Amino acid sequence: MSNLNKYDKSFIKGLSIKKNQINKKLKYNSIEQWDSIAHMNLMSELESAFKISIDTDDIIDFSSYEKGKKILKKYKIEI
């Protein structure tokens, strides 16, 4: 499975959304499902999918679908 597929699956499972809701404009609180609790679910899904531990500062900074890709580069994960 590609990193993009893992990334998208983490969003689908973590936020309980459908694949067609994922796009470059997806941002924290831009949809009802992406609230603070779902945000932590998403972080957990990403950590599990990529076998990493995301720093607190990065969890706070993870504010959008696109921003998340940049943050994961810090962990040597290319999306």
Protein backbone atom coordinates (compact mmCIF):
# COMPACT_ATOMS: atom_id res chain seq x y z
CA MET A 1 0.00 0.00 0.00
CA SER A 2 1.36 3.42 -0.92
CA ASN A 3 1.94 6.12 1.68
CA LEU A 4 -0.83 8.19 0.08
CA ASN A 5 -3.26 5.30 0.51
CA LYS A 6 -2.21 4.87 4.15
CA TYR A 7 -2.59 8.61 4.69
CA ASP A 8 -6.05 8.73 3.14
CA LYS A 9 -7.17 5.62 5.04
CA SER A 10 -6.06 7.26 8.29
CA PHE A 11 -8.28 10.25 7.50
CA ILE A 12 -11.22 8.02 6.55
CA LYS A 13 -10.96 5.92 9.70
CA GLY A 14 -9.81 8.63 12.12
CA LEU A 15 -12.43 11.18 11.10
CA SER A 16 -15.16 8.71 10.10
CA ILE A 17 -15.51 10.28 6.67
CA LYS A 18 -15.89 8.99 3.13
CA LYS A 19 -13.06 9.04 0.59
CA ASN A 20 -14.87 11.67 -1.50
CA GLN A 21 -14.65 14.10 1.45
CA ILE A 22 -10.85 14.10 1.26
CA ASN A 23 -9.39 16.95 -0.77
CA LYS A 24 -6.61 19.53 -0.64
CA LYS A 25 -8.92 22.04 1.06
CA LEU A 26 -9.79 19.75 3.99
CA LYS A 27 -8.93 21.59 7.22
CA TYR A 28 -9.46 21.16 10.94
CA ASN A 29 -13.02 22.23 11.84
CA SER A 30 -13.88 22.71 8.13
CA ILE A 31 -16.20 19.71 8.40
CA GLU A 32 -18.32 18.67 11.35
CA GLN A 33 -16.46 15.38 11.74
CA TRP A 34 -13.02 16.97 12.27
CA ASP A 35 -13.34 18.20 15.83
CA SER A 36 -10.83 17.94 18.67
CA ILE A 37 -11.72 14.35 19.55
CA ALA A 38 -11.58 13.18 15.93
CA HIS A 39 -8.27 15.02 15.61
CA MET A 40 -6.76 12.78 18.28
CA ASN A 41 -8.28 9.72 16.56
CA LEU A 42 -6.64 10.84 13.33
CA MET A 43 -3.26 11.28 15.03
CA SER A 44 -3.56 7.79 16.50
CA GLU A 45 -4.41 6.32 13.08
CA LEU A 46 -1.43 8.06 11.49
CA GLU A 47 0.92 6.89 14.23
CA SER A 48 -0.30 3.34 13.80
CA ALA A 49 -0.24 3.37 9.98
CA PHE A 50 3.27 4.78 9.75
CA LYS A 51 4.68 3.33 13.00
CA ILE A 52 5.75 6.73 14.34
CA SER A 53 5.13 8.86 17.40
CA ILE A 54 3.98 12.37 16.51
CA ASP A 55 5.28 15.16 18.77
CA THR A 56 2.76 17.31 20.62
CA ASP A 57 3.79 20.43 18.68
CA ASP A 58 3.17 18.61 15.41
CA ILE A 59 -0.22 17.36 16.62
CA ILE A 60 -1.22 20.95 17.36
CA ASP A 61 0.22 22.19 14.04
CA PHE A 62 -1.54 19.45 12.01
CA SER A 63 -4.31 21.75 10.80
CA SER A 64 -5.11 20.47 7.33
CA TYR A 65 -4.76 17.59 4.90
CA GLU A 66 -1.94 19.37 3.06
CA LYS A 67 -0.17 20.58 6.23
CA GLY A 68 -0.14 16.99 7.46
CA LYS A 69 1.87 15.90 4.45
CA LYS A 70 4.53 18.50 5.31
CA ILE A 71 4.60 17.44 8.94
CA LEU A 72 5.05 13.78 8.04
CA LYS A 73 8.15 14.71 6.00
CA LYS A 74 9.82 15.46 9.36
CA TYR A 75 9.34 11.77 10.14
CA LYS A 76 10.86 10.77 6.78
CA ILE A 77 7.47 9.88 5.30
CA GLU A 78 6.86 11.10 1.76
CA ILE A 79 3.21 11.33 0.71
